[in-house]
Amino acid sequence: MPTTQVAIATMKVAQITKPGADFEIVDREIPVPGSGQVRIKVQACGVCHSDVFTKEGQWPGIQYPRVPGHEVVGIVDDVGVGVTGWNKGQRVGVGWHGGHDGTCLECRRGDFRNCRNRKVPGISYDGGYQQYMVAPVEALAAMPDSLGDAEAAPLLCAGITTFGALRSCGARPGDLVAVIGVGGLGHLAIQFANKFGYKVAAIARGSANATLAKKLGATHYIDSTSSNVAAALQQLGGAQAILATAPSSKSMSEAIDGLAPNGRLMVVGADSAAIEVTPIQLITGVRTIQGWASETPADSEDTLRFAELSGVRPMIETYPLERAAEAYARMISGKAQFRVVLTM
């Protein structure tokens, strides 16, 4: 008797086969979720600068081939054994926090984002540059229906990072808060800061972004090429918080003296150079420098709900999955206005 051929369902993925390699669009078998996992039909995935860790092999222990992507919006397509509380057809998001072990000291204290064995989508397992992906339930965030797929994706990394830093910066409504950078992170930070009720000073190089910064909610614009940033902030009364979104340690160093007493420099822009500050600068005024990383899916949900209610939205450029290489190159160029998103 003839053998019956069973068709294997496949999907398109954009993968990296080795560090520094170009993107390859290939067909793979659609994955099956394991215990405690769901399968997501991806609708959109943001292209984040942190995807360079996968593209260039800059994350210790990363295995290839690997599919990048940690700003994922999609629909639960299937659930694995033991999954409760998440249903087929439900809209979900997956951000940088892709899972935790639940057993290390940090997890036992509820500090899941500092889990010693944390997982990152697109690094620890295949991320959202594909039509279907599998993720553990502890990585899932519920999505508000009113947010579109492409506009919601960047909120799961750039959004949650700036939102979390601002709500933890110690400033109160009416205080001056400065944002260094009017880019992928900065344009969201300005909006969030304005909606939090802060008086916002946007800081950037040149005057090109002055009009946009005001439109996004900045009360003041400081051109760092023509002004002493710290002096300008002190003329405004001093910043209770400075959120450094641009990856420039030099810009951060130049702004520190613009902090008000008890002011805090919140660092989210990653730069390998050192921030230059003297002990006297910190002791005088009891100033603080604090790093801030992306948070958990519960915090993603806070970010998404606040964006839904307040009207905060990212400015995006969209590309189809098949043009992942072009989308990534656009992001790397720094010329995107301001976040790049893949759509499926």
C-alpha atoms as a PDB file:
ATOM      1  CA  MET A   1       0.000   0.000   0.000  1.00  0.00           C
ATOM      2  CA  PRO A   2       1.238   3.531  -0.734  1.00  0.00           C
ATOM      3  CA  THR A   3       2.601   5.521   2.196  1.00  0.00           C
ATOM      4  CA  THR A   4       0.500   8.522   3.165  1.00  0.00           C
ATOM      5  CA  GLN A   5       2.527  11.743   3.270  1.00  0.00           C
ATOM      6  CA  VAL A   6       1.673  14.026   6.168  1.00  0.00           C
ATOM      7  CA  ALA A   7       2.253  17.704   5.407  1.00  0.00           C
ATOM      8  CA  ILE A   8       4.389  19.458   8.009  1.00  0.00           C
ATOM      9  CA  ALA A   9       3.201  22.949   8.875  1.00  0.00           C
ATOM     10  CA  THR A  10       6.005  25.450   8.416  1.00  0.00           C
ATOM     11  CA  MET A  11       6.626  29.114   9.128  1.00  0.00           C
ATOM     12  CA  LYS A  12       8.983  31.871   8.030  1.00  0.00           C
ATOM     13  CA  VAL A  13      11.764  32.924  10.394  1.00  0.00           C
ATOM     14  CA  ALA A  14      14.578  35.471  10.196  1.00  0.00           C
ATOM     15  CA  GLN A  15      17.573  33.753  11.787  1.00  0.00           C
ATOM     16  CA  ILE A  16      21.233  34.385  12.504  1.00  0.00           C
ATOM     17  CA  THR A  17      23.426  31.310  11.989  1.00  0.00           C
ATOM     18  CA  LYS A  18      26.613  32.644  13.597  1.00  0.00           C
ATOM     19  CA  PRO A  19      27.936  35.869  15.140  1.00  0.00           C
ATOM     20  CA  GLY A  20      28.100  38.658  12.577  1.00  0.00           C
ATOM     21  CA  ALA A  21      26.241  36.707   9.899  1.00  0.00           C
ATOM     22  CA  ASP A  22      23.552  38.251   7.726  1.00  0.00           C
ATOM     23  CA  PHE A  23      19.902  37.486   8.355  1.00  0.00           C
ATOM     24  CA  GLU A  24      18.514  34.433   6.587  1.00  0.00           C
ATOM     25  CA  ILE A  25      14.816  33.999   5.837  1.00  0.00           C
ATOM     26  CA  VAL A  26      14.124  30.283   6.069  1.00  0.00           C
ATOM     27  CA  ASP A  27      11.259  27.870   6.597  1.00  0.00           C
ATOM     28  CA  ARG A  28      11.045  25.990   9.872  1.00  0.00           C
ATOM     29  CA  GLU A  29       8.546  23.602  11.344  1.00  0.00           C
ATOM     30  CA  ILE A  30       6.036  25.404  13.562  1.00  0.00           C
ATOM     31  CA  PRO A  31       7.091  24.634  17.168  1.00  0.00           C
ATOM     32  CA  VAL A  32       4.983  22.803  19.736  1.00  0.00           C
ATOM     33  CA  PRO A  33       4.757  24.368  23.215  1.00  0.00           C
ATOM     34  CA  GLY A  34       6.121  22.320  26.085  1.00  0.00           C
ATOM     35  CA  SER A  35       4.953  22.154  29.669  1.00  0.00           C
ATOM     36  CA  GLY A  36       4.350  25.636  31.072  1.00  0.00           C
ATOM     37  CA  GLN A  37       4.707  27.243  27.650  1.00  0.00           C
ATOM     38  CA  VAL A  38       2.420  28.835  25.066  1.00  0.00           C
ATOM     39  CA  ARG A  39       2.791  29.198  21.332  1.00  0.00           C
ATOM     40  CA  ILE A  40       2.255  32.717  20.036  1.00  0.00           C
ATOM     41  CA  LYS A  41       1.214  33.648  16.524  1.00  0.00           C
ATOM     42  CA  VAL A  42       3.366  36.752  16.167  1.00  0.00           C
ATOM     43  CA  GLN A  43       1.674  39.869  14.819  1.00  0.00           C
ATOM     44  CA  ALA A  44       4.516  42.364  15.297  1.00  0.00           C
ATOM     45  CA  CYS A  45       8.016  42.492  16.771  1.00  0.00           C
ATOM     46  CA  GLY A  46      10.087  45.561  17.521  1.00  0.00           C
ATOM     47  CA  VAL A  47      13.679  45.802  16.313  1.00  0.00           C
ATOM     48  CA  CYS A  48      15.676  46.954  19.326  1.00  0.00           C
ATOM     49  CA  HIS A  49      19.311  47.987  19.563  1.00  0.00           C
ATOM     50  CA  SER A  50      19.798  45.193  22.109  1.00  0.00           C
ATOM     51  CA  ASP A  51      19.254  42.743  19.232  1.00  0.00           C
ATOM     52  CA  VAL A  52      22.913  43.443  18.475  1.00  0.00           C
ATOM     53  CA  PHE A  53      23.698  40.928  21.247  1.00  0.00           C
ATOM     54  CA  THR A  54      22.256  38.201  19.028  1.00  0.00           C
ATOM     55  CA  LYS A  55      23.370  39.577  15.674  1.00  0.00           C
ATOM     56  CA  GLU A  56      26.988  40.029  16.723  1.00  0.00           C
ATOM     57  CA  GLY A  57      27.279  37.272  19.332  1.00  0.00           C
ATOM     58  CA  GLN A  58      27.911  39.649  22.211  1.00  0.00           C
ATOM     59  CA  TRP A  59      25.980  37.667  24.845  1.00  0.00           C
ATOM     60  CA  PRO A  60      27.960  34.949  26.652  1.00  0.00           C
ATOM     61  CA  GLY A  61      26.771  31.433  25.892  1.00  0.00           C
ATOM     62  CA  ILE A  62      24.328  32.297  23.095  1.00  0.00           C
ATOM     63  CA  GLN A  63      23.681  29.345  20.796  1.00  0.00           C
ATOM     64  CA  TYR A  64      23.060  29.439  17.044  1.00  0.00           C
ATOM     65  CA  PRO A  65      21.094  29.469  14.861  1.00  0.00           C
ATOM     66  CA  ARG A  66      19.068  32.007  16.801  1.00  0.00           C
ATOM     67  CA  VAL A  67      16.034  34.153  16.008  1.00  0.00           C
ATOM     68  CA  PRO A  68      16.231  37.640  17.609  1.00  0.00           C
ATOM     69  CA  GLY A  69      13.357  39.719  18.957  1.00  0.00           C
ATOM     70  CA  HIS A  70      12.117  40.724  22.421  1.00  0.00           C
ATOM     71  CA  GLU A  71       9.361  43.255  21.651  1.00  0.00           C
ATOM     72  CA  VAL A  72       6.728  40.725  20.652  1.00  0.00           C
ATOM     73  CA  VAL A  73       2.986  41.180  20.235  1.00  0.00           C
ATOM     74  CA  GLY A  74       0.804  38.278  19.182  1.00  0.00           C
ATOM     75  CA  ILE A  75      -2.042  35.896  19.872  1.00  0.00           C
ATOM     76  CA  VAL A  76      -1.890  32.693  21.932  1.00  0.00           C
ATOM     77  CA  ASP A  77      -2.195  29.946  19.348  1.00  0.00           C
ATOM     78  CA  ASP A  78      -1.668  26.869  21.515  1.00  0.00           C
ATOM     79  CA  VAL A  79      -0.916  26.076  25.172  1.00  0.00           C
ATOM     80  CA  GLY A  80       1.270  23.420  26.711  1.00  0.00           C
ATOM     81  CA  VAL A  81       0.573  21.044  29.565  1.00  0.00           C
ATOM     82  CA  GLY A  82      -0.122  22.716  32.902  1.00  0.00           C
ATOM     83  CA  VAL A  83      -0.840  26.171  31.511  1.00  0.00           C
ATOM     84  CA  THR A  84      -3.664  27.981  33.276  1.00  0.00           C
ATOM     85  CA  GLY A  85      -4.831  31.567  33.084  1.00  0.00           C
ATOM     86  CA  TRP A  86      -3.811  31.992  29.435  1.00  0.00           C
ATOM     87  CA  ASN A  87      -6.183  30.989  26.669  1.00  0.00           C
ATOM     88  CA  LYS A  88      -6.109  30.423  22.928  1.00  0.00           C
ATOM     89  CA  GLY A  89      -6.999  33.596  21.081  1.00  0.00           C
ATOM     90  CA  GLN A  90      -5.756  35.885  23.872  1.00  0.00           C
ATOM     91  CA  ARG A  91      -3.531  38.835  22.887  1.00  0.00           C
ATOM     92  CA  VAL A  92      -0.194  38.810  24.683  1.00  0.00           C
ATOM     93  CA  GLY A  93       3.139  40.554  24.678  1.00  0.00           C
ATOM     94  CA  VAL A  94       6.647  39.349  25.465  1.00  0.00           C
ATOM     95  CA  GLY A  95       9.394  41.787  26.410  1.00  0.00           C
ATOM     96  CA  TRP A  96      13.019  41.588  27.544  1.00  0.00           C
ATOM     97  CA  HIS A  97      12.090  39.572  30.646  1.00  0.00           C
ATOM     98  CA  GLY A  98      11.659  36.167  29.077  1.00  0.00           C
ATOM     99  CA  GLY A  99      11.524  34.018  32.198  1.00  0.00           C
ATOM    100  CA  HIS A 100      13.127  33.320  35.569  1.00  0.00           C
ATOM    101  CA  ASP A 101      13.979  30.236  37.575  1.00  0.00           C
ATOM    102  CA  GLY A 102      11.916  31.085  40.678  1.00  0.00           C
ATOM    103  CA  THR A 103      14.495  29.419  42.947  1.00  0.00           C
ATOM    104  CA  CYS A 104      17.537  31.711  43.191  1.00  0.00           C
ATOM    105  CA  LEU A 105      17.868  34.126  46.110  1.00  0.00           C
ATOM    106  CA  GLU A 106      16.710  37.109  44.046  1.00  0.00           C
ATOM    107  CA  CYS A 107      13.600  35.273  42.836  1.00  0.00           C
ATOM    108  CA  ARG A 108      12.800  34.092  46.361  1.00  0.00           C
ATOM    109  CA  ARG A 109      12.834  37.755  47.370  1.00  0.00           C
ATOM    110  CA  GLY A 110      10.557  38.683  44.463  1.00  0.00           C
ATOM    111  CA  ASP A 111      13.303  40.442  42.498  1.00  0.00           C
ATOM    112  CA  PHE A 112      12.634  38.509  39.309  1.00  0.00           C
ATOM    113  CA  ARG A 113      14.351  40.873  36.880  1.00  0.00           C
ATOM    114  CA  ASN A 114      17.648  40.168  38.667  1.00  0.00           C
ATOM    115  CA  CYS A 115      17.193  36.410  38.503  1.00  0.00           C
ATOM    116  CA  ARG A 116      20.606  34.754  38.277  1.00  0.00           C
ATOM    117  CA  ASN A 117      19.306  32.471  35.520  1.00  0.00           C
ATOM    118  CA  ARG A 118      17.007  34.908  33.734  1.00  0.00           C
ATOM    119  CA  LYS A 119      15.974  34.248  30.174  1.00  0.00           C
ATOM    120  CA  VAL A 120      15.832  36.780  27.352  1.00  0.00           C
ATOM    121  CA  PRO A 121      13.760  36.153  24.203  1.00  0.00           C
ATOM    122  CA  GLY A 122      15.959  36.147  21.127  1.00  0.00           C
ATOM    123  CA  ILE A 123      18.990  35.243  23.240  1.00  0.00           C
ATOM    124  CA  SER A 124      18.053  32.395  25.589  1.00  0.00           C
ATOM    125  CA  TYR A 125      15.495  31.058  23.100  1.00  0.00           C
ATOM    126  CA  ASP A 126      14.133  32.096  19.727  1.00  0.00           C
ATOM    127  CA  GLY A 127      12.369  35.447  19.769  1.00  0.00           C
ATOM    128  CA  GLY A 128       9.860  37.321  17.668  1.00  0.00           C
ATOM    129  CA  TYR A 129      11.506  37.624  14.232  1.00  0.00           C
ATOM    130  CA  GLN A 130       9.291  34.715  13.144  1.00  0.00           C
ATOM    131  CA  GLN A 131       5.667  33.904  12.488  1.00  0.00           C
ATOM    132  CA  TYR A 132       5.259  31.687  15.569  1.00  0.00           C
ATOM    133  CA  MET A 133       7.261  31.539  18.790  1.00  0.00           C
ATOM    134  CA  VAL A 134       7.151  29.593  22.044  1.00  0.00           C
ATOM    135  CA  ALA A 135       7.527  31.345  25.397  1.00  0.00           C
ATOM    136  CA  PRO A 136       7.166  30.372  29.063  1.00  0.00           C
ATOM    137  CA  VAL A 137       4.063  31.678  30.806  1.00  0.00           C
ATOM    138  CA  GLU A 138       6.126  33.813  33.202  1.00  0.00           C
ATOM    139  CA  ALA A 139       7.186  35.915  30.190  1.00  0.00           C
ATOM    140  CA  LEU A 140       3.638  36.844  29.139  1.00  0.00           C
ATOM    141  CA  ALA A 141       1.933  40.217  29.508  1.00  0.00           C
ATOM    142  CA  ALA A 142      -1.763  40.742  28.767  1.00  0.00           C
ATOM    143  CA  MET A 143      -2.389  43.252  25.959  1.00  0.00           C
ATOM    144  CA  PRO A 144      -5.057  45.983  25.986  1.00  0.00           C
ATOM    145  CA  ASP A 145      -7.365  45.606  22.989  1.00  0.00           C
ATOM    146  CA  SER A 146      -7.184  49.278  22.031  1.00  0.00           C
ATOM    147  CA  LEU A 147      -3.431  49.231  21.308  1.00  0.00           C
ATOM    148  CA  GLY A 148      -2.445  48.220  17.799  1.00  0.00           C
ATOM    149  CA  ASP A 149       0.101  45.446  17.336  1.00  0.00           C
ATOM    150  CA  ALA A 150       2.886  47.529  15.789  1.00  0.00           C
ATOM    151  CA  GLU A 151       2.468  50.510  18.121  1.00  0.00           C
ATOM    152  CA  ALA A 152       2.417  48.289  21.206  1.00  0.00           C
ATOM    153  CA  ALA A 153       5.586  46.329  20.403  1.00  0.00           C
ATOM    154  CA  PRO A 154       8.162  49.029  21.338  1.00  0.00           C
ATOM    155  CA  LEU A 155       6.345  49.650  24.615  1.00  0.00           C
ATOM    156  CA  LEU A 156       7.478  46.189  25.748  1.00  0.00           C
ATOM    157  CA  CYS A 157      11.122  47.286  25.943  1.00  0.00           C
ATOM    158  CA  ALA A 158      11.734  50.993  25.274  1.00  0.00           C
ATOM    159  CA  GLY A 159       8.374  51.806  26.849  1.00  0.00           C
ATOM    160  CA  ILE A 160       8.613  49.733  30.017  1.00  0.00           C
ATOM    161  CA  THR A 161      12.212  50.848  30.634  1.00  0.00           C
ATOM    162  CA  THR A 162      11.489  54.581  30.490  1.00  0.00           C
ATOM    163  CA  PHE A 163       8.128  54.254  32.240  1.00  0.00           C
ATOM    164  CA  GLY A 164       9.644  52.265  35.097  1.00  0.00           C
ATOM    165  CA  ALA A 165      12.613  54.581  35.511  1.00  0.00           C
ATOM    166  CA  LEU A 166      10.416  57.677  35.626  1.00  0.00           C
ATOM    167  CA  ARG A 167       7.934  56.311  38.134  1.00  0.00           C
ATOM    168  CA  SER A 168      10.834  55.252  40.357  1.00  0.00           C
ATOM    169  CA  CYS A 169      12.974  58.383  40.027  1.00  0.00           C
ATOM    170  CA  GLY A 170      11.676  60.124  43.153  1.00  0.00           C
ATOM    171  CA  ALA A 171      10.216  63.138  41.340  1.00  0.00           C
ATOM    172  CA  ARG A 172       6.749  64.443  42.125  1.00  0.00           C
ATOM    173  CA  PRO A 173       4.209  66.111  39.851  1.00  0.00           C
ATOM    174  CA  GLY A 174       5.386  69.630  39.122  1.00  0.00           C
ATOM    175  CA  ASP A 175       9.083  68.793  39.599  1.00  0.00           C
ATOM    176  CA  LEU A 176      11.583  69.411  36.815  1.00  0.00           C
ATOM    177  CA  VAL A 177      12.640  66.190  35.109  1.00  0.00           C
ATOM    178  CA  ALA A 178      15.200  66.243  32.304  1.00  0.00           C
ATOM    179  CA  VAL A 179      15.442  63.690  29.503  1.00  0.00           C
ATOM    180  CA  ILE A 180      18.767  63.311  27.702  1.00  0.00           C
ATOM    181  CA  GLY A 181      18.092  62.234  24.136  1.00  0.00           C
ATOM    182  CA  VAL A 182      15.135  62.556  21.785  1.00  0.00           C
ATOM    183  CA  GLY A 183      15.364  59.170  20.110  1.00  0.00           C
ATOM    184  CA  GLY A 184      13.953  55.672  20.396  1.00  0.00           C
ATOM    185  CA  LEU A 185      13.865  55.796  24.187  1.00  0.00           C
ATOM    186  CA  GLY A 186      13.823  59.557  24.651  1.00  0.00           C
ATOM    187  CA  HIS A 187      10.731  60.310  22.590  1.00  0.00           C
ATOM    188  CA  LEU A 188       8.772  57.905  24.809  1.00  0.00           C
ATOM    189  CA  ALA A 189      10.376  59.208  27.999  1.00  0.00           C
ATOM    190  CA  ILE A 190       9.328  62.777  27.199  1.00  0.00           C
ATOM    191  CA  GLN A 191       5.735  61.671  26.677  1.00  0.00           C
ATOM    192  CA  PHE A 192       5.621  59.604  29.871  1.00  0.00           C
ATOM    193  CA  ALA A 193       7.244  62.364  31.913  1.00  0.00           C
ATOM    194  CA  ASN A 194       4.710  64.889  30.636  1.00  0.00           C
ATOM    195  CA  LYS A 195       1.791  62.585  31.436  1.00  0.00           C
ATOM    196  CA  PHE A 196       3.199  61.985  34.936  1.00  0.00           C
ATOM    197  CA  GLY A 197       2.804  65.717  35.538  1.00  0.00           C
ATOM    198  CA  TYR A 198       6.488  66.609  35.510  1.00  0.00           C
ATOM    199  CA  LYS A 199       7.892  69.806  34.034  1.00  0.00           C
ATOM    200  CA  VAL A 200      10.028  68.323  31.268  1.00  0.00           C
ATOM    201  CA  ALA A 201      13.343  69.582  29.905  1.00  0.00           C
ATOM    202  CA  ALA A 202      14.501  67.728  26.786  1.00  0.00           C
ATOM    203  CA  ILE A 203      18.250  67.712  26.127  1.00  0.00           C
ATOM    204  CA  ALA A 204      19.787  66.857  22.756  1.00  0.00           C
ATOM    205  CA  ARG A 205      22.563  67.830  20.382  1.00  0.00           C
ATOM    206  CA  GLY A 206      21.568  70.609  17.980  1.00  0.00           C
ATOM    207  CA  SER A 207      18.252  72.323  17.481  1.00  0.00           C
ATOM    208  CA  ALA A 208      16.725  69.891  14.985  1.00  0.00           C
ATOM    209  CA  ASN A 209      14.556  68.125  17.570  1.00  0.00           C
ATOM    210  CA  ALA A 210      13.390  71.208  19.455  1.00  0.00           C
ATOM    211  CA  THR A 211       9.981  71.423  17.779  1.00  0.00           C
ATOM    212  CA  LEU A 212       9.345  67.686  18.104  1.00  0.00           C
ATOM    213  CA  ALA A 213      10.363  67.677  21.767  1.00  0.00           C
ATOM    214  CA  LYS A 214       7.863  70.433  22.527  1.00  0.00           C
ATOM    215  CA  LYS A 215       5.177  68.554  20.593  1.00  0.00           C
ATOM    216  CA  LEU A 216       5.888  65.419  22.634  1.00  0.00           C
ATOM    217  CA  GLY A 217       5.391  67.328  25.880  1.00  0.00           C
ATOM    218  CA  ALA A 218       8.667  69.045  26.787  1.00  0.00           C
ATOM    219  CA  THR A 219       8.346  72.443  28.415  1.00  0.00           C
ATOM    220  CA  HIS A 220      11.988  73.338  27.746  1.00  0.00           C
ATOM    221  CA  TYR A 221      14.562  72.310  25.153  1.00  0.00           C
ATOM    222  CA  ILE A 222      18.295  72.497  25.831  1.00  0.00           C
ATOM    223  CA  ASP A 223      20.738  72.290  22.914  1.00  0.00           C
ATOM    224  CA  SER A 224      23.829  70.691  24.430  1.00  0.00           C
ATOM    225  CA  THR A 225      26.025  72.009  21.602  1.00  0.00           C
ATOM    226  CA  SER A 226      25.312  75.635  22.428  1.00  0.00           C
ATOM    227  CA  SER A 227      24.460  75.571  26.151  1.00  0.00           C
ATOM    228  CA  ASN A 228      26.018  74.420  29.390  1.00  0.00           C
ATOM    229  CA  VAL A 229      23.484  71.741  30.242  1.00  0.00           C
ATOM    230  CA  ALA A 230      24.054  71.749  34.002  1.00  0.00           C
ATOM    231  CA  ALA A 231      23.869  75.560  34.203  1.00  0.00           C
ATOM    232  CA  ALA A 232      20.705  75.601  32.083  1.00  0.00           C
ATOM    233  CA  LEU A 233      19.037  73.074  34.389  1.00  0.00           C
ATOM    234  CA  GLN A 234      20.040  75.034  37.473  1.00  0.00           C
ATOM    235  CA  GLN A 235      18.546  78.189  35.937  1.00  0.00           C
ATOM    236  CA  LEU A 236      15.281  76.254  35.793  1.00  0.00           C
ATOM    237  CA  GLY A 237      15.607  75.368  39.483  1.00  0.00           C
ATOM    238  CA  GLY A 238      17.529  72.113  39.182  1.00  0.00           C
ATOM    239  CA  ALA A 239      16.282  68.746  37.975  1.00  0.00           C
ATOM    240  CA  GLN A 240      14.842  66.385  40.551  1.00  0.00           C
ATOM    241  CA  ALA A 241      15.652  63.623  38.096  1.00  0.00           C
ATOM    242  CA  ILE A 242      17.587  63.288  34.867  1.00  0.00           C
ATOM    243  CA  LEU A 243      16.715  60.304  32.695  1.00  0.00           C
ATOM    244  CA  ALA A 244      19.667  59.520  30.424  1.00  0.00           C
ATOM    245  CA  THR A 245      18.286  57.694  27.395  1.00  0.00           C
ATOM    246  CA  ALA A 246      21.068  58.534  24.921  1.00  0.00           C
ATOM    247  CA  PRO A 247      24.022  56.110  25.127  1.00  0.00           C
ATOM    248  CA  SER A 248      26.505  58.886  25.896  1.00  0.00           C
ATOM    249  CA  SER A 249      28.446  58.845  29.141  1.00  0.00           C
ATOM    250  CA  LYS A 250      29.843  62.264  28.250  1.00  0.00           C
ATOM    251  CA  SER A 251      26.337  63.754  28.146  1.00  0.00           C
ATOM    252  CA  MET A 252      25.515  62.147  31.479  1.00  0.00           C
ATOM    253  CA  SER A 253      28.680  63.482  33.078  1.00  0.00           C
ATOM    254  CA  GLU A 254      27.979  67.008  31.839  1.00  0.00           C
ATOM    255  CA  ALA A 255      24.447  66.971  33.279  1.00  0.00           C
ATOM    256  CA  ILE A 256      25.146  65.779  36.831  1.00  0.00           C
ATOM    257  CA  ASP A 257      25.660  69.282  38.248  1.00  0.00           C
ATOM    258  CA  GLY A 258      22.194  70.149  36.953  1.00  0.00           C
ATOM    259  CA  LEU A 259      20.578  67.940  39.589  1.00  0.00           C
ATOM    260  CA  ALA A 260      18.631  69.553  42.425  1.00  0.00           C
ATOM    261  CA  PRO A 261      19.309  68.548  46.048  1.00  0.00           C
ATOM    262  CA  ASN A 262      18.459  64.854  46.465  1.00  0.00           C
ATOM    263  CA  GLY A 263      18.296  64.633  42.675  1.00  0.00           C
ATOM    264  CA  ARG A 264      18.852  61.385  40.838  1.00  0.00           C
ATOM    265  CA  LEU A 265      20.485  60.534  37.515  1.00  0.00           C
ATOM    266  CA  MET A 266      18.644  57.516  36.073  1.00  0.00           C
ATOM    267  CA  VAL A 267      20.753  55.671  33.496  1.00  0.00           C
ATOM    268  CA  VAL A 268      19.050  53.600  30.797  1.00  0.00           C
ATOM    269  CA  GLY A 269      21.244  54.458  27.791  1.00  0.00           C
ATOM    270  CA  ALA A 270      24.049  51.888  27.632  1.00  0.00           C
ATOM    271  CA  ASP A 271      27.552  53.160  26.911  1.00  0.00           C
ATOM    272  CA  SER A 272      30.838  51.350  27.574  1.00  0.00           C
ATOM    273  CA  ALA A 273      32.645  54.553  28.550  1.00  0.00           C
ATOM    274  CA  ALA A 274      32.827  55.677  32.176  1.00  0.00           C
ATOM    275  CA  ILE A 275      30.558  58.315  33.675  1.00  0.00           C
ATOM    276  CA  GLU A 276      32.885  60.943  35.130  1.00  0.00           C
ATOM    277  CA  VAL A 277      31.826  62.296  38.518  1.00  0.00           C
ATOM    278  CA  THR A 278      33.660  63.356  41.663  1.00  0.00           C
ATOM    279  CA  PRO A 279      32.621  62.370  45.174  1.00  0.00           C
ATOM    280  CA  ILE A 280      32.086  66.086  45.939  1.00  0.00           C
ATOM    281  CA  GLN A 281      29.499  66.318  43.152  1.00  0.00           C
ATOM    282  CA  LEU A 282      27.503  63.512  44.768  1.00  0.00           C
ATOM    283  CA  ILE A 283      28.008  64.533  48.367  1.00  0.00           C
ATOM    284  CA  THR A 284      26.981  68.123  47.639  1.00  0.00           C
ATOM    285  CA  GLY A 285      23.212  67.977  47.378  1.00  0.00           C
ATOM    286  CA  VAL A 286      23.141  64.250  48.298  1.00  0.00           C
ATOM    287  CA  ARG A 287      22.839  63.264  44.637  1.00  0.00           C
ATOM    288  CA  THR A 288      22.436  59.735  43.324  1.00  0.00           C
ATOM    289  CA  ILE A 289      23.300  57.847  40.146  1.00  0.00           C
ATOM    290  CA  GLN A 290      21.184  54.758  39.492  1.00  0.00           C
ATOM    291  CA  GLY A 291      21.071  52.291  36.642  1.00  0.00           C
ATOM    292  CA  TRP A 292      17.709  51.041  35.475  1.00  0.00           C
ATOM    293  CA  ALA A 293      16.867  47.909  33.506  1.00  0.00           C
ATOM    294  CA  SER A 294      13.717  46.530  31.948  1.00  0.00           C
ATOM    295  CA  GLU A 295      11.252  44.954  34.379  1.00  0.00           C
ATOM    296  CA  THR A 296       8.775  42.066  34.569  1.00  0.00           C
ATOM    297  CA  PRO A 297       5.631  41.323  32.539  1.00  0.00           C
ATOM    298  CA  ALA A 298       3.492  42.779  35.348  1.00  0.00           C
ATOM    299  CA  ASP A 299       5.345  46.060  34.824  1.00  0.00           C
ATOM    300  CA  SER A 300       4.801  45.716  31.080  1.00  0.00           C
ATOM    301  CA  GLU A 301       1.076  45.560  31.765  1.00  0.00           C
ATOM    302  CA  ASP A 302       1.328  48.731  33.877  1.00  0.00           C
ATOM    303  CA  THR A 303       3.122  50.447  30.997  1.00  0.00           C
ATOM    304  CA  LEU A 304       0.611  49.290  28.409  1.00  0.00           C
ATOM    305  CA  ARG A 305      -2.405  50.341  30.480  1.00  0.00           C
ATOM    306  CA  PHE A 306      -0.894  53.751  31.202  1.00  0.00           C
ATOM    307  CA  ALA A 307      -0.110  54.261  27.520  1.00  0.00           C
ATOM    308  CA  GLU A 308      -3.641  53.220  26.632  1.00  0.00           C
ATOM    309  CA  LEU A 309      -5.159  55.730  29.072  1.00  0.00           C
ATOM    310  CA  SER A 310      -2.755  58.624  28.488  1.00  0.00           C
ATOM    311  CA  GLY A 311      -2.275  58.421  24.736  1.00  0.00           C
ATOM    312  CA  VAL A 312       1.486  57.794  24.866  1.00  0.00           C
ATOM    313  CA  ARG A 313       2.495  56.144  21.596  1.00  0.00           C
ATOM    314  CA  PRO A 314       5.812  55.358  19.918  1.00  0.00           C
ATOM    315  CA  MET A 315       6.721  56.818  16.540  1.00  0.00           C
ATOM    316  CA  ILE A 316       7.396  53.798  14.333  1.00  0.00           C
ATOM    317  CA  GLU A 317       8.569  52.618  10.943  1.00  0.00           C
ATOM    318  CA  THR A 318       7.291  49.198   9.850  1.00  0.00           C
ATOM    319  CA  TYR A 319       8.837  46.504   7.663  1.00  0.00           C
ATOM    320  CA  PRO A 320       7.586  43.029   6.710  1.00  0.00           C
ATOM    321  CA  LEU A 321       9.410  40.050   8.207  1.00  0.00           C
ATOM    322  CA  GLU A 322      11.011  39.254   4.849  1.00  0.00           C
ATOM    323  CA  ARG A 323      12.882  42.582   5.081  1.00  0.00           C
ATOM    324  CA  ALA A 324      14.311  41.924   8.546  1.00  0.00           C
ATOM    325  CA  ALA A 325      17.865  42.660   7.400  1.00  0.00           C
ATOM    326  CA  GLU A 326      16.799  46.046   6.030  1.00  0.00           C
ATOM    327  CA  ALA A 327      14.827  46.823   9.192  1.00  0.00           C
ATOM    328  CA  TYR A 328      17.792  45.945  11.398  1.00  0.00           C
ATOM    329  CA  ALA A 329      20.137  48.083   9.280  1.00  0.00           C
ATOM    330  CA  ARG A 330      17.703  51.002   9.530  1.00  0.00           C
ATOM    331  CA  MET A 331      17.667  50.680  13.315  1.00  0.00           C
ATOM    332  CA  ILE A 332      21.459  50.468  13.537  1.00  0.00           C
ATOM    333  CA  SER A 333      21.847  53.547  11.327  1.00  0.00           C
ATOM    334  CA  GLY A 334      20.215  55.728  13.987  1.00  0.00           C
ATOM    335  CA  LYS A 335      18.121  57.406  11.297  1.00  0.00           C
ATOM    336  CA  ALA A 336      14.818  55.712  12.116  1.00  0.00           C
ATOM    337  CA  GLN A 337      11.999  57.928  13.427  1.00  0.00           C
ATOM    338  CA  PHE A 338      12.120  56.393  16.013  1.00  0.00           C
ATOM    339  CA  ARG A 339      11.388  52.688  16.507  1.00  0.00           C
ATOM    340  CA  VAL A 340      11.500  49.995  13.810  1.00  0.00           C
ATOM    341  CA  VAL A 341       8.869  47.241  13.918  1.00  0.00           C
ATOM    342  CA  LEU A 342       8.533  44.018  11.912  1.00  0.00           C
ATOM    343  CA  THR A 343       5.003  42.999  10.933  1.00  0.00           C
ATOM    344  CA  MET A 344       3.894  39.496  10.013  1.00  0.00           C
END
